Amino acid sequence: MISSDQPSCVTLETSQGSIVIELYWKHAPRTCRNFAELAKREYYNGVPFHRVIRDFMIQGGDPTGTGRGGASIYGRYFEDEISPELKHTGAGIISMANSGPNTNGSQFFITLAPTQWLDGKHTIFGRVKSGMQVVKRLGMIETDPNDRPVEPIVINRAYLTPFHIIHKVVDVLCSFAEAVANYCFEPALDICFTGRHKTKPERIRPRHVARDRPATVYKWSRS
């Protein structure tokens, strides 16, 4: 069970939108502690995603923006936490970037596709809980020959996000969306005409139309 001093999620507010990362405290407690504490200290604020490789991953967390900087809360580096239960099975996996075994600092990457060849070499410590569309958008950014974004992608702010707050926000957004849908849309109706023209109805599949447009769709033919 996650204790109160182990925040369930970290939110990254980027220049392209927000990404909420769920942390795997059970499998990588020291790595999660490092990531959460760096976010709490505002270490990632203003730090870029300095490396983007389409259909592979986006990498950030280096305050120098060079790919050679960054340090952990434990010192320059800390050891790997490889869990056999966690695999790079698809997009949205969060892992530590490194330059070899036990060289974890502050840099991390988010996968854009399955990357099984990284299993056992990089510490997986979370996944994208929400904001996957933002991640995909970042993965399509134009880059130079060195995989650096032509237009900088910046983490404007990183902060801890308790899981119950995320649930509450999602519930509010869902309720709002439902209310808007109920107000703005209503089912179209099939109308049957009778009279001297002897018209007959032609069946129309139900659909939704905006309330400020005619709510009834007429489609008829003479008999």
Protein backbone atom coordinates (compact mmCIF):
# COMPACT_ATOMS: atom_id res chain seq x y z
CA MET A 1 0.00 0.00 0.00
CA ILE A 2 1.25 3.47 -0.91
CA SER A 3 1.80 5.74 2.08
CA SER A 4 0.89 9.40 2.29
CA ASP A 5 4.47 10.43 1.52
CA GLN A 6 4.42 8.48 -1.73
CA PRO A 7 2.44 10.57 -4.23
CA SER A 8 0.65 8.38 -6.75
CA CYS A 9 1.27 10.66 -9.70
CA VAL A 10 3.42 13.48 -11.04
CA THR A 11 2.02 15.95 -13.55
CA LEU A 12 4.24 17.46 -16.23
CA GLU A 13 2.84 20.66 -17.69
CA THR A 14 4.61 20.95 -21.03
CA SER A 15 4.51 23.56 -23.75
CA GLN A 16 2.25 21.15 -25.67
CA GLY A 17 -0.10 20.14 -22.85
CA SER A 18 -0.17 18.18 -19.58
CA ILE A 19 1.00 14.61 -18.98
CA VAL A 20 0.06 12.76 -15.78
CA ILE A 21 2.49 10.01 -14.80
CA GLU A 22 1.45 7.21 -12.45
CA LEU A 23 4.38 6.01 -10.35
CA TYR A 24 5.19 2.35 -9.63
CA TRP A 25 6.30 2.64 -6.01
CA LYS A 26 5.96 -1.10 -5.40
CA HIS A 27 8.44 -2.05 -8.12
CA ALA A 28 10.88 0.90 -8.10
CA PRO A 29 10.62 2.80 -4.79
CA ARG A 30 13.99 4.57 -4.96
CA THR A 31 13.44 5.63 -8.56
CA CYS A 32 9.94 6.90 -7.80
CA ARG A 33 11.29 8.76 -4.76
CA ASN A 34 13.95 10.38 -6.93
CA PHE A 35 11.48 11.46 -9.61
CA ALA A 36 8.85 12.72 -7.16
CA GLU A 37 11.36 14.61 -5.04
CA LEU A 38 12.96 16.27 -8.07
CA ALA A 39 9.49 17.38 -9.18
CA LYS A 40 8.75 18.66 -5.67
CA ARG A 41 11.99 20.65 -5.67
CA GLU A 42 11.00 22.20 -9.04
CA TYR A 43 14.09 20.63 -10.57
CA TYR A 44 12.26 19.83 -13.81
CA ASN A 45 10.67 23.26 -14.22
CA GLY A 46 11.91 24.84 -17.44
CA VAL A 47 13.76 21.66 -18.47
CA PRO A 48 13.34 20.57 -22.12
CA PHE A 49 12.63 17.28 -23.81
CA HIS A 50 15.95 17.41 -25.61
CA ARG A 51 15.67 14.21 -27.64
CA VAL A 52 12.78 12.93 -29.75
CA ILE A 53 12.90 9.84 -31.97
CA ARG A 54 9.67 9.17 -33.84
CA ASP A 55 8.03 5.80 -33.10
CA PHE A 56 10.57 5.20 -30.32
CA MET A 57 10.63 7.66 -27.41
CA ILE A 58 10.87 11.22 -26.09
CA GLN A 59 13.62 11.98 -23.56
CA GLY A 60 13.97 14.78 -21.01
CA GLY A 61 15.01 15.62 -17.47
CA ASP A 62 18.43 17.14 -18.16
CA PRO A 63 18.57 20.76 -16.95
CA THR A 64 21.52 21.44 -19.28
CA GLY A 65 19.50 20.29 -22.29
CA THR A 66 22.53 18.49 -23.67
CA GLY A 67 21.73 14.91 -22.71
CA ARG A 68 24.88 14.76 -20.60
CA GLY A 69 23.70 16.51 -17.44
CA GLY A 70 21.44 15.96 -14.47
CA ALA A 71 21.84 14.36 -11.05
CA SER A 72 19.69 12.33 -8.69
CA ILE A 73 18.65 13.19 -5.14
CA TYR A 74 21.08 10.50 -3.96
CA GLY A 75 24.11 12.02 -5.66
CA ARG A 76 25.34 11.89 -9.23
CA TYR A 77 23.94 8.42 -9.92
CA PHE A 78 21.97 5.66 -8.22
CA GLU A 79 21.48 1.97 -8.91
CA ASP A 80 18.99 0.30 -11.24
CA GLU A 81 15.71 -1.19 -9.99
CA ILE A 82 14.93 -3.74 -12.68
CA SER A 83 11.68 -5.63 -12.10
CA PRO A 84 10.95 -8.77 -14.14
CA GLU A 85 7.25 -7.93 -13.85
CA LEU A 86 7.61 -4.71 -15.84
CA LYS A 87 8.28 -4.64 -19.58
CA HIS A 88 8.46 -2.01 -22.30
CA THR A 89 5.33 -3.43 -23.91
CA GLY A 90 3.93 -0.34 -25.59
CA ALA A 91 3.60 3.42 -25.71
CA GLY A 92 3.42 5.42 -22.50
CA ILE A 93 6.01 3.54 -20.41
CA ILE A 94 8.25 5.77 -18.24
CA SER A 95 11.86 4.62 -17.77
CA MET A 96 15.14 6.05 -16.59
CA ALA A 97 17.67 7.05 -19.23
CA ASN A 98 21.21 5.91 -18.48
CA SER A 99 24.67 5.47 -19.93
CA GLY A 100 25.08 1.95 -18.59
CA PRO A 101 24.23 -0.12 -15.51
CA ASN A 102 23.56 1.85 -12.31
CA THR A 103 23.98 5.31 -13.88
CA ASN A 104 20.52 6.74 -13.18
CA GLY A 105 20.33 10.48 -12.56
CA SER A 106 17.45 12.78 -13.45
CA GLN A 107 16.89 11.92 -17.11
CA PHE A 108 13.92 9.82 -18.16
CA PHE A 109 12.09 8.84 -21.33
CA ILE A 110 8.54 8.02 -22.39
CA THR A 111 8.06 5.28 -24.99
CA LEU A 112 6.10 5.86 -28.19
CA ALA A 113 5.91 2.17 -29.14
CA PRO A 114 6.90 -1.28 -27.81
CA THR A 115 10.65 -1.31 -27.07
CA GLN A 116 11.29 -4.78 -25.68
CA TRP A 117 15.05 -4.59 -26.37
CA LEU A 118 15.26 -2.14 -23.44
CA ASP A 119 13.90 -4.69 -20.94
CA GLY A 120 16.42 -5.40 -18.22
CA LYS A 121 18.55 -2.40 -19.19
CA HIS A 122 16.42 0.54 -18.05
CA THR A 123 14.40 0.99 -14.86
CA ILE A 124 10.67 1.24 -15.53
CA PHE A 125 9.04 3.34 -12.83
CA GLY A 126 5.68 4.46 -14.18
CA ARG A 127 3.28 4.96 -17.04
CA VAL A 128 1.26 7.74 -18.63
CA LYS A 129 -2.04 7.90 -16.73
CA SER A 130 -3.47 10.67 -18.88
CA GLY A 131 -2.19 12.94 -21.62
CA MET A 132 -1.16 10.24 -24.07
CA GLN A 133 -2.33 12.44 -26.93
CA VAL A 134 0.16 15.05 -25.75
CA VAL A 135 2.91 12.42 -25.74
CA LYS A 136 2.00 11.36 -29.28
CA ARG A 137 2.02 14.99 -30.39
CA LEU A 138 5.48 15.47 -28.89
CA GLY A 139 6.63 12.36 -30.71
CA MET A 140 5.71 13.96 -34.04
CA ILE A 141 7.71 17.15 -33.47
CA GLU A 142 10.19 18.06 -36.20
CA THR A 143 13.78 17.32 -35.19
CA ASP A 144 17.27 18.03 -36.50
CA PRO A 145 19.80 15.33 -37.53
CA ASN A 146 20.76 14.92 -33.85
CA ASP A 147 17.16 14.15 -32.78
CA ARG A 148 16.81 17.54 -31.08
CA PRO A 149 13.43 19.29 -31.52
CA VAL A 150 13.65 22.21 -33.94
CA GLU A 151 11.16 24.07 -31.75
CA PRO A 152 11.95 23.57 -28.04
CA ILE A 153 9.61 21.37 -25.98
CA VAL A 154 9.72 22.52 -22.37
CA ILE A 155 8.41 21.16 -19.08
CA ASN A 156 6.99 24.41 -17.76
CA ARG A 157 6.12 22.86 -14.42
CA ALA A 158 6.27 19.48 -12.69
CA TYR A 159 4.32 18.80 -9.50
CA LEU A 160 2.98 16.01 -7.30
CA THR A 161 -0.59 14.91 -7.93
CA PRO A 162 -2.44 12.73 -5.38
CA PHE A 163 -4.48 10.06 -7.19
CA HIS A 164 -7.77 10.97 -5.50
CA ILE A 165 -7.51 14.47 -6.98
CA ILE A 166 -7.13 13.02 -10.47
CA HIS A 167 -10.25 10.89 -9.95
CA LYS A 168 -12.17 13.94 -8.77
CA VAL A 169 -11.10 16.02 -11.77
CA VAL A 170 -12.03 13.22 -14.17
CA ASP A 171 -15.45 12.86 -12.53
CA VAL A 172 -16.09 16.60 -12.82
CA LEU A 173 -15.04 16.67 -16.48
CA CYS A 174 -17.24 13.67 -17.30
CA SER A 175 -20.23 15.25 -15.58
CA PHE A 176 -19.65 18.51 -17.42
CA ALA A 177 -19.34 16.75 -20.78
CA GLU A 178 -22.57 14.84 -20.14
CA ALA A 179 -24.40 18.03 -19.20
CA VAL A 180 -23.20 19.80 -22.34
CA ALA A 181 -24.21 16.85 -24.50
CA ASN A 182 -27.69 16.73 -22.96
CA TYR A 183 -28.16 20.46 -23.46
CA CYS A 184 -26.79 20.81 -26.98
CA PHE A 185 -27.90 17.61 -28.67
CA GLU A 186 -31.06 15.58 -29.09
CA PRO A 187 -31.96 12.59 -31.26
CA ALA A 188 -33.34 13.29 -34.72
CA LEU A 189 -36.82 11.90 -35.32
CA ASP A 190 -38.41 9.99 -38.16
CA ILE A 191 -41.58 11.77 -39.31
CA CYS A 192 -44.40 10.16 -41.27
CA PHE A 193 -46.54 12.47 -43.44
CA THR A 194 -50.09 11.76 -44.52
CA GLY A 195 -52.37 13.81 -46.73
CA ARG A 196 -53.41 14.33 -50.28
CA HIS A 197 -49.88 13.84 -51.60
CA LYS A 198 -49.89 10.34 -50.11
CA THR A 199 -46.31 10.57 -49.01
CA LYS A 200 -44.63 7.72 -47.22
CA PRO A 201 -41.73 7.76 -44.78
CA GLU A 202 -38.28 6.50 -45.64
CA ARG A 203 -36.53 5.22 -42.56
CA ILE A 204 -33.64 7.30 -41.21
CA ARG A 205 -31.13 6.05 -38.68
CA PRO A 206 -31.17 8.04 -35.41
CA ARG A 207 -28.39 10.58 -35.16
CA HIS A 208 -27.59 13.68 -33.14
CA VAL A 209 -28.05 17.21 -34.34
CA ALA A 210 -27.23 20.51 -32.69
CA ARG A 211 -30.09 22.07 -30.74
CA ASP A 212 -29.76 25.34 -32.64
CA ARG A 213 -30.51 23.49 -35.88
CA PRO A 214 -33.79 21.74 -36.80
CA ALA A 215 -34.02 18.73 -34.54
CA THR A 216 -36.17 16.81 -37.04
CA VAL A 217 -34.74 15.41 -40.24
CA TYR A 218 -37.28 15.05 -43.04
CA LYS A 219 -36.68 12.54 -45.78
CA TRP A 220 -39.65 11.46 -47.81
CA SER A 221 -40.73 10.39 -51.27
CA ARG A 222 -44.00 10.38 -53.16
CA SER A 223 -45.78 7.06 -53.39
